[in-house]
């Protein structure tokens, strides 16, 4: 009985370690990215922009802000759900009838890579391209634009 139980544990651990992990990796990454909405507020900025363009500029700071806050809270909740359930199937995005699977940004500002040597291809010259502060809204300063 003890040998059978030990063999079962060894087989289970070996199965877990040798199986592919692309699904849980993707789901966890998507969950962390969606949960990062708590600091990014991309949904709120996008909804305010879209409300100003398609409804009225007067409604951007009221209706657009409320709609954006609701969508941001939904994205944070979906991100938390995907983080908690990342080890378990299904690995497909959830709640896609209301939210896009990946985070959104306003159409007038999409951040790029940060200007650090890790992302630079010409670091031997002492400088590289990229954004200086993409995490701050309206900081559109780029080195090589």
N, C-alpha and C. Protein backbone atom coordinates (compact mmCIF):
# COMPACT_ATOMS: atom_id res chain seq x y z
N UNK A 1 0.82 -1.19 0.00
CA UNK A 1 0.00 0.00 0.00
C UNK A 1 0.87 1.26 0.00
N UNK A 2 1.91 1.24 0.85
CA UNK A 2 2.80 2.39 0.92
C UNK A 2 3.57 2.59 -0.38
N UNK A 3 4.02 1.52 -0.98
CA UNK A 3 4.75 1.61 -2.25
C UNK A 3 3.85 2.13 -3.36
N UNK A 4 2.60 1.71 -3.38
CA UNK A 4 1.67 2.17 -4.40
C UNK A 4 1.41 3.67 -4.25
N UNK A 5 1.24 4.12 -3.01
CA UNK A 5 1.00 5.53 -2.74
C UNK A 5 2.22 6.37 -3.12
N UNK A 6 3.41 5.90 -2.79
CA UNK A 6 4.64 6.61 -3.15
C UNK A 6 4.80 6.68 -4.66
N UNK A 7 4.52 5.56 -5.34
CA UNK A 7 4.62 5.55 -6.79
C UNK A 7 3.61 6.51 -7.42
N UNK A 8 2.43 6.58 -6.85
CA UNK A 8 1.41 7.50 -7.35
C UNK A 8 1.85 8.96 -7.18
N UNK A 9 2.45 9.28 -6.05
CA UNK A 9 2.94 10.64 -5.82
C UNK A 9 4.07 10.98 -6.79
N UNK A 10 4.99 10.06 -6.99
CA UNK A 10 6.10 10.28 -7.91
C UNK A 10 5.58 10.47 -9.34
N UNK A 11 4.63 9.65 -9.75
CA UNK A 11 4.07 9.77 -11.09
C UNK A 11 3.32 11.09 -11.26
N UNK A 12 2.61 11.54 -10.24
CA UNK A 12 1.88 12.81 -10.31
C UNK A 12 2.84 13.98 -10.42
N UNK A 13 3.89 13.98 -9.59
CA UNK A 13 4.86 15.07 -9.63
C UNK A 13 5.60 15.08 -10.97
N UNK A 14 5.97 13.91 -11.47
CA UNK A 14 6.64 13.84 -12.77
C UNK A 14 5.73 14.33 -13.89
N UNK A 15 4.45 13.99 -13.82
CA UNK A 15 3.50 14.46 -14.82
C UNK A 15 3.34 15.97 -14.79
N UNK A 16 3.31 16.54 -13.60
CA UNK A 16 3.18 17.99 -13.47
C UNK A 16 4.42 18.72 -13.97
N UNK A 17 5.59 18.16 -13.69
CA UNK A 17 6.83 18.82 -14.08
C UNK A 17 7.14 18.69 -15.56
N UNK A 18 6.67 17.64 -16.20
CA UNK A 18 6.98 17.43 -17.61
C UNK A 18 5.90 17.93 -18.55
N UNK A 19 4.76 18.31 -18.04
CA UNK A 19 3.69 18.79 -18.92
C UNK A 19 3.95 20.24 -19.31
N UNK A 20 3.43 20.62 -20.46
CA UNK A 20 3.60 21.99 -20.94
C UNK A 20 2.83 22.98 -20.08
N UNK A 21 3.34 24.18 -20.02
CA UNK A 21 2.68 25.17 -19.16
C UNK A 21 2.35 26.44 -19.93
N UNK A 22 2.13 26.35 -21.22
CA UNK A 22 1.84 27.55 -22.01
C UNK A 22 0.48 28.13 -21.65
N UNK A 23 -0.51 27.29 -21.39
CA UNK A 23 -1.84 27.78 -21.04
C UNK A 23 -1.85 28.53 -19.72
N UNK A 24 -1.35 27.92 -18.63
CA UNK A 24 -1.32 28.64 -17.36
C UNK A 24 -0.44 29.89 -17.41
N UNK A 25 0.65 29.83 -18.15
CA UNK A 25 1.52 31.01 -18.30
C UNK A 25 0.77 32.17 -18.94
N UNK A 26 0.08 31.87 -20.02
CA UNK A 26 -0.67 32.89 -20.74
C UNK A 26 -1.79 33.45 -19.87
N UNK A 27 -2.50 32.55 -19.17
CA UNK A 27 -3.61 32.98 -18.33
C UNK A 27 -3.12 33.83 -17.16
N UNK A 28 -2.01 33.44 -16.55
CA UNK A 28 -1.46 34.22 -15.44
C UNK A 28 -0.95 35.57 -15.92
N UNK A 29 -0.29 35.60 -17.06
CA UNK A 29 0.19 36.86 -17.62
C UNK A 29 -0.95 37.80 -17.97
N UNK A 30 -2.01 37.24 -18.57
CA UNK A 30 -3.18 38.05 -18.91
C UNK A 30 -3.85 38.56 -17.64
N UNK A 31 -3.90 37.72 -16.60
CA UNK A 31 -4.50 38.13 -15.33
C UNK A 31 -3.70 39.24 -14.66
N UNK A 32 -2.38 39.11 -14.65
CA UNK A 32 -1.54 40.16 -14.06
C UNK A 32 -1.67 41.47 -14.84
N UNK A 33 -1.72 41.36 -16.16
CA UNK A 33 -1.87 42.55 -16.98
C UNK A 33 -3.22 43.22 -16.74
N UNK A 34 -4.28 42.43 -16.65
CA UNK A 34 -5.60 43.00 -16.38
C UNK A 34 -5.69 43.56 -14.97
N UNK A 35 -5.07 42.89 -14.01
CA UNK A 35 -5.09 43.40 -12.64
C UNK A 35 -4.28 44.69 -12.53
N UNK A 36 -3.34 44.89 -13.42
CA UNK A 36 -2.56 46.13 -13.44
C UNK A 36 -3.39 47.34 -13.83
N UNK A 37 -4.63 47.12 -14.22
CA UNK A 37 -5.54 48.23 -14.53
C UNK A 37 -5.72 49.14 -13.32
N UNK A 38 -5.49 48.61 -12.14
CA UNK A 38 -5.65 49.39 -10.92
C UNK A 38 -4.66 50.55 -10.88
N UNK A 39 -3.55 50.45 -11.58
CA UNK A 39 -2.59 51.56 -11.64
C UNK A 39 -2.60 52.25 -13.01
N UNK A 40 -3.08 51.57 -14.04
CA UNK A 40 -3.04 52.11 -15.40
C UNK A 40 -4.25 52.98 -15.71
N UNK A 41 -5.45 52.57 -15.36
CA UNK A 41 -6.72 53.24 -15.64
C UNK A 41 -6.90 53.52 -17.13
N UNK A 42 -6.47 52.58 -17.95
CA UNK A 42 -6.61 52.74 -19.39
C UNK A 42 -8.06 52.71 -19.85
N UNK A 43 -8.88 51.86 -19.23
CA UNK A 43 -10.30 51.79 -19.59
C UNK A 43 -10.99 53.12 -19.31
N UNK A 44 -10.67 53.74 -18.18
CA UNK A 44 -11.31 55.01 -17.84
C UNK A 44 -10.91 56.09 -18.84
N UNK A 45 -9.63 56.17 -19.15
CA UNK A 45 -9.17 57.19 -20.10
C UNK A 45 -9.77 56.95 -21.48
N UNK A 46 -9.85 55.66 -21.89
CA UNK A 46 -10.40 55.36 -23.20
C UNK A 46 -11.89 55.69 -23.26
N UNK A 47 -12.64 55.33 -22.24
CA UNK A 47 -14.07 55.60 -22.25
C UNK A 47 -14.36 57.09 -22.22
N UNK A 48 -13.56 57.85 -21.48
CA UNK A 48 -13.74 59.30 -21.46
C UNK A 48 -13.46 59.88 -22.84
N UNK A 49 -12.42 59.39 -23.50
CA UNK A 49 -12.09 59.85 -24.84
C UNK A 49 -13.20 59.48 -25.83
N UNK A 50 -13.66 58.24 -25.79
CA UNK A 50 -14.68 57.78 -26.72
C UNK A 50 -16.02 58.49 -26.49
N UNK A 51 -16.35 58.76 -25.23
CA UNK A 51 -17.58 59.49 -24.93
C UNK A 51 -17.49 60.92 -25.46
N UNK A 52 -16.34 61.55 -25.30
CA UNK A 52 -16.17 62.91 -25.82
C UNK A 52 -16.28 62.94 -27.34
N UNK A 53 -15.78 61.91 -28.02
CA UNK A 53 -15.81 61.89 -29.48
C UNK A 53 -17.18 61.54 -30.04
N UNK A 54 -17.83 60.55 -29.46
CA UNK A 54 -19.05 60.03 -30.06
C UNK A 54 -20.34 60.55 -29.43
N UNK A 55 -20.30 60.94 -28.17
CA UNK A 55 -21.51 61.46 -27.52
C UNK A 55 -21.45 62.98 -27.45
N UNK A 56 -20.67 63.47 -26.53
CA UNK A 56 -20.55 64.92 -26.37
C UNK A 56 -19.38 65.22 -25.46
N UNK A 57 -18.62 66.26 -25.74
CA UNK A 57 -17.52 66.62 -24.84
C UNK A 57 -18.00 66.95 -23.43
N UNK A 58 -19.24 67.42 -23.32
CA UNK A 58 -19.78 67.73 -22.00
C UNK A 58 -19.98 66.48 -21.15
N UNK A 59 -20.22 65.34 -21.78
CA UNK A 59 -20.47 64.10 -21.04
C UNK A 59 -19.20 63.32 -20.73
N UNK A 60 -18.07 63.76 -21.24
CA UNK A 60 -16.83 62.99 -21.07
C UNK A 60 -16.44 62.87 -19.61
N UNK A 61 -16.59 63.94 -18.85
CA UNK A 61 -16.16 63.92 -17.45
C UNK A 61 -17.22 63.37 -16.51
N UNK A 62 -18.39 63.10 -17.01
CA UNK A 62 -19.44 62.54 -16.15
C UNK A 62 -19.76 61.11 -16.59
N UNK A 63 -20.48 60.98 -17.68
CA UNK A 63 -20.88 59.66 -18.17
C UNK A 63 -19.66 58.83 -18.55
N UNK A 64 -18.71 59.43 -19.22
CA UNK A 64 -17.50 58.70 -19.63
C UNK A 64 -16.69 58.23 -18.44
N UNK A 65 -16.60 59.06 -17.40
CA UNK A 65 -15.84 58.69 -16.21
C UNK A 65 -16.52 57.53 -15.47
N UNK A 66 -17.84 57.59 -15.36
CA UNK A 66 -18.56 56.51 -14.68
C UNK A 66 -18.46 55.21 -15.47
N UNK A 67 -18.67 55.31 -16.79
CA UNK A 67 -18.57 54.12 -17.64
C UNK A 67 -17.14 53.55 -17.59
N UNK A 68 -16.15 54.42 -17.62
CA UNK A 68 -14.76 53.96 -17.56
C UNK A 68 -14.42 53.34 -16.22
N UNK A 69 -14.93 53.91 -15.13
CA UNK A 69 -14.69 53.34 -13.80
C UNK A 69 -15.31 51.95 -13.71
N UNK A 70 -16.52 51.79 -14.23
CA UNK A 70 -17.17 50.47 -14.21
C UNK A 70 -16.36 49.45 -15.00
N UNK A 71 -15.89 49.83 -16.17
CA UNK A 71 -15.11 48.90 -16.98
C UNK A 71 -13.76 48.60 -16.33
N UNK A 72 -13.16 49.60 -15.69
CA UNK A 72 -11.88 49.36 -14.99
C UNK A 72 -12.08 48.37 -13.84
N UNK A 73 -13.14 48.54 -13.08
CA UNK A 73 -13.41 47.61 -11.97
C UNK A 73 -13.68 46.20 -12.49
N UNK A 74 -14.39 46.11 -13.63
CA UNK A 74 -14.63 44.80 -14.22
C UNK A 74 -13.32 44.16 -14.66
N UNK A 75 -12.43 44.94 -15.26
CA UNK A 75 -11.14 44.41 -15.72
C UNK A 75 -10.29 43.97 -14.53
N UNK A 76 -10.30 44.72 -13.44
CA UNK A 76 -9.54 44.33 -12.24
C UNK A 76 -10.09 43.02 -11.69
N UNK A 77 -11.42 42.88 -11.67
CA UNK A 77 -12.04 41.64 -11.19
C UNK A 77 -11.69 40.45 -12.07
N UNK A 78 -11.73 40.64 -13.38
CA UNK A 78 -11.37 39.56 -14.30
C UNK A 78 -9.90 39.19 -14.12
N UNK A 79 -9.05 40.19 -13.93
CA UNK A 79 -7.63 39.92 -13.70
C UNK A 79 -7.40 39.12 -12.43
N UNK A 80 -8.08 39.48 -11.36
CA UNK A 80 -7.96 38.73 -10.11
C UNK A 80 -8.45 37.30 -10.27
N UNK A 81 -9.57 37.13 -10.99
CA UNK A 81 -10.09 35.79 -11.25
C UNK A 81 -9.09 34.96 -12.04
N UNK A 82 -8.47 35.55 -13.07
CA UNK A 82 -7.53 34.79 -13.88
C UNK A 82 -6.25 34.48 -13.13
N UNK A 83 -5.83 35.35 -12.22
CA UNK A 83 -4.65 35.06 -11.40
C UNK A 83 -4.93 33.87 -10.49
N UNK A 84 -6.08 33.88 -9.83
CA UNK A 84 -6.41 32.81 -8.87
C UNK A 84 -6.62 31.48 -9.59
N UNK A 85 -7.25 31.51 -10.76
CA UNK A 85 -7.57 30.26 -11.45
C UNK A 85 -6.56 29.91 -12.54
N UNK A 86 -5.40 30.55 -12.57
CA UNK A 86 -4.44 30.29 -13.65
C UNK A 86 -3.95 28.85 -13.72
N UNK A 87 -3.83 28.11 -12.61
CA UNK A 87 -3.37 26.73 -12.77
C UNK A 87 -4.43 25.78 -13.33
N UNK A 88 -5.67 26.20 -13.39
CA UNK A 88 -6.76 25.31 -13.77
C UNK A 88 -7.30 25.66 -15.15
N UNK A 89 -7.65 24.63 -15.96
CA UNK A 89 -8.26 24.91 -17.26
C UNK A 89 -9.63 25.54 -17.05
N UNK A 90 -10.19 26.20 -17.92
CA UNK A 90 -9.88 26.55 -19.28
C UNK A 90 -8.98 27.78 -19.30
N UNK A 91 -8.12 27.82 -20.31
CA UNK A 91 -7.14 28.89 -20.40
C UNK A 91 -7.55 29.98 -21.38
N UNK A 92 -8.78 29.94 -21.85
CA UNK A 92 -9.28 30.96 -22.76
C UNK A 92 -9.68 32.20 -21.97
N UNK A 93 -9.65 33.38 -22.60
CA UNK A 93 -10.09 34.60 -21.91
C UNK A 93 -11.56 34.50 -21.51
N UNK A 94 -11.90 35.12 -20.39
CA UNK A 94 -13.28 35.12 -19.91
C UNK A 94 -13.85 36.53 -20.04
N UNK A 95 -15.19 36.61 -20.07
CA UNK A 95 -15.91 37.88 -20.04
C UNK A 95 -15.60 38.73 -21.26
N UNK A 96 -15.35 38.07 -22.41
CA UNK A 96 -14.94 38.81 -23.60
C UNK A 96 -16.08 39.50 -24.32
N UNK A 97 -17.32 39.25 -23.92
CA UNK A 97 -18.42 39.97 -24.54
C UNK A 97 -18.49 41.41 -24.03
N UNK A 98 -17.84 41.72 -22.92
CA UNK A 98 -17.84 43.06 -22.35
C UNK A 98 -16.47 43.72 -22.43
N UNK A 99 -15.40 42.94 -22.25
CA UNK A 99 -14.04 43.47 -22.25
C UNK A 99 -13.19 42.76 -23.29
N UNK A 100 -12.24 43.47 -23.84
CA UNK A 100 -11.26 42.83 -24.71
C UNK A 100 -10.30 42.03 -23.83
N UNK A 101 -9.72 40.95 -24.35
CA UNK A 101 -8.84 40.12 -23.51
C UNK A 101 -7.59 40.85 -23.03
N UNK A 102 -7.06 41.73 -23.83
CA UNK A 102 -5.86 42.47 -23.46
C UNK A 102 -6.23 43.88 -23.02
N UNK A 103 -5.42 44.51 -22.20
CA UNK A 103 -5.72 45.87 -21.75
C UNK A 103 -5.82 46.86 -22.91
N UNK A 104 -6.64 47.87 -22.73
CA UNK A 104 -6.82 48.89 -23.76
C UNK A 104 -6.25 50.22 -23.28
N UNK A 105 -5.97 51.07 -24.23
CA UNK A 105 -5.48 52.42 -23.97
C UNK A 105 -6.29 53.37 -24.83
N UNK A 106 -6.29 54.64 -24.51
CA UNK A 106 -6.96 55.60 -25.40
C UNK A 106 -6.31 55.57 -26.78
N UNK A 107 -7.07 55.92 -27.79
CA UNK A 107 -6.52 55.92 -29.15
C UNK A 107 -5.45 56.97 -29.34
N UNK A 108 -5.46 58.02 -28.51
CA UNK A 108 -4.48 59.08 -28.70
C UNK A 108 -3.17 58.81 -27.96
N UNK A 109 -3.08 57.71 -27.21
CA UNK A 109 -1.84 57.42 -26.50
C UNK A 109 -1.70 55.92 -26.26
N UNK A 110 -0.74 55.32 -26.91
CA UNK A 110 -0.41 53.91 -26.68
C UNK A 110 1.05 53.85 -26.26
N UNK A 111 1.32 53.46 -25.01
CA UNK A 111 2.71 53.46 -24.54
C UNK A 111 3.55 52.40 -25.26
N UNK A 112 4.81 52.68 -25.37
CA UNK A 112 5.75 51.74 -25.97
C UNK A 112 6.69 51.20 -24.92
N UNK A 113 7.84 50.73 -25.35
CA UNK A 113 8.83 50.21 -24.43
C UNK A 113 9.52 51.35 -23.68
N UNK A 114 9.93 51.06 -22.46
CA UNK A 114 10.65 52.03 -21.67
C UNK A 114 12.07 52.15 -22.22
N UNK A 115 12.63 53.34 -22.17
CA UNK A 115 13.98 53.57 -22.68
C UNK A 115 15.01 53.13 -21.64
N UNK A 116 15.29 51.84 -21.61
CA UNK A 116 16.30 51.28 -20.72
C UNK A 116 17.24 50.42 -21.56
N UNK A 117 18.47 50.19 -21.11
CA UNK A 117 19.41 49.39 -21.90
C UNK A 117 18.93 47.97 -22.20
N UNK A 118 18.08 47.42 -21.37
CA UNK A 118 17.59 46.07 -21.61
C UNK A 118 16.79 45.93 -22.88
N UNK A 119 16.11 46.99 -23.31
CA UNK A 119 15.31 46.96 -24.53
C UNK A 119 16.01 47.60 -25.70
N UNK A 120 17.13 48.27 -25.45
CA UNK A 120 17.81 49.01 -26.51
C UNK A 120 18.68 48.10 -27.36
N UNK A 121 18.68 48.35 -28.66
CA UNK A 121 19.52 47.56 -29.56
C UNK A 121 20.84 48.25 -29.85
N UNK A 122 20.93 49.53 -29.52
CA UNK A 122 22.16 50.27 -29.81
C UNK A 122 22.79 50.81 -28.54
N UNK A 123 22.83 49.99 -27.51
CA UNK A 123 23.37 50.45 -26.23
C UNK A 123 24.88 50.63 -26.28
N UNK A 124 25.54 50.04 -27.26
CA UNK A 124 26.98 50.24 -27.36
C UNK A 124 27.31 51.69 -27.73
N UNK A 125 26.35 52.40 -28.30
CA UNK A 125 26.56 53.80 -28.64
C UNK A 125 26.30 54.72 -27.44
N UNK A 126 25.65 54.18 -26.40
CA UNK A 126 25.39 54.98 -25.22
C UNK A 126 24.00 55.56 -25.15
N UNK A 127 23.15 55.30 -26.14
CA UNK A 127 21.77 55.77 -26.11
C UNK A 127 20.92 54.80 -26.90
N UNK A 128 19.61 54.88 -26.69
CA UNK A 128 18.70 54.02 -27.43
C UNK A 128 17.34 54.68 -27.50
N UNK A 129 16.45 54.12 -28.28
CA UNK A 129 15.10 54.67 -28.42
C UNK A 129 14.18 54.14 -27.34
N UNK A 130 12.95 54.61 -27.35
CA UNK A 130 11.95 54.20 -26.38
C UNK A 130 11.38 55.40 -25.66
N UNK A 131 10.39 55.15 -24.84
CA UNK A 131 9.76 56.22 -24.09
C UNK A 131 10.44 56.40 -22.76
N UNK A 132 10.45 57.62 -22.28
CA UNK A 132 11.10 57.90 -21.02
C UNK A 132 10.21 57.53 -19.85
N UNK A 133 8.92 57.82 -19.93
CA UNK A 133 8.00 57.53 -18.82
C UNK A 133 6.64 57.11 -19.34
N UNK A 134 6.50 55.91 -19.95
CA UNK A 134 5.21 55.53 -20.53
C UNK A 134 4.14 55.23 -19.49
N UNK A 135 4.55 55.04 -18.23
CA UNK A 135 3.55 54.71 -17.23
C UNK A 135 2.76 55.92 -16.77
N UNK A 136 3.21 57.12 -17.10
CA UNK A 136 2.50 58.34 -16.73
C UNK A 136 1.66 58.83 -17.90
N UNK A 137 0.37 59.08 -17.69
CA UNK A 137 -0.46 59.57 -18.78
C UNK A 137 0.06 60.91 -19.30
N UNK A 138 -0.06 61.11 -20.59
CA UNK A 138 0.31 62.34 -21.29
C UNK A 138 1.80 62.65 -21.24
N UNK A 139 2.64 61.67 -20.98
CA UNK A 139 4.09 61.88 -21.05
C UNK A 139 4.57 61.32 -22.37
N UNK A 140 4.40 62.05 -23.42
CA UNK A 140 4.70 61.56 -24.76
C UNK A 140 6.11 61.88 -25.22
N UNK A 141 6.98 62.19 -24.31
CA UNK A 141 8.35 62.50 -24.69
C UNK A 141 9.06 61.22 -25.11
N UNK A 142 9.56 61.20 -26.34
CA UNK A 142 10.34 60.07 -26.83
C UNK A 142 11.68 60.63 -27.29
N UNK A 143 12.69 59.81 -27.20
CA UNK A 143 14.03 60.28 -27.53
C UNK A 143 14.21 60.47 -29.02
N UNK A 144 13.75 59.55 -29.85
CA UNK A 144 14.01 59.60 -31.29
C UNK A 144 12.77 59.82 -32.12
N UNK A 145 11.93 60.76 -31.81
CA UNK A 145 10.76 61.05 -32.63
C UNK A 145 10.86 62.40 -33.28
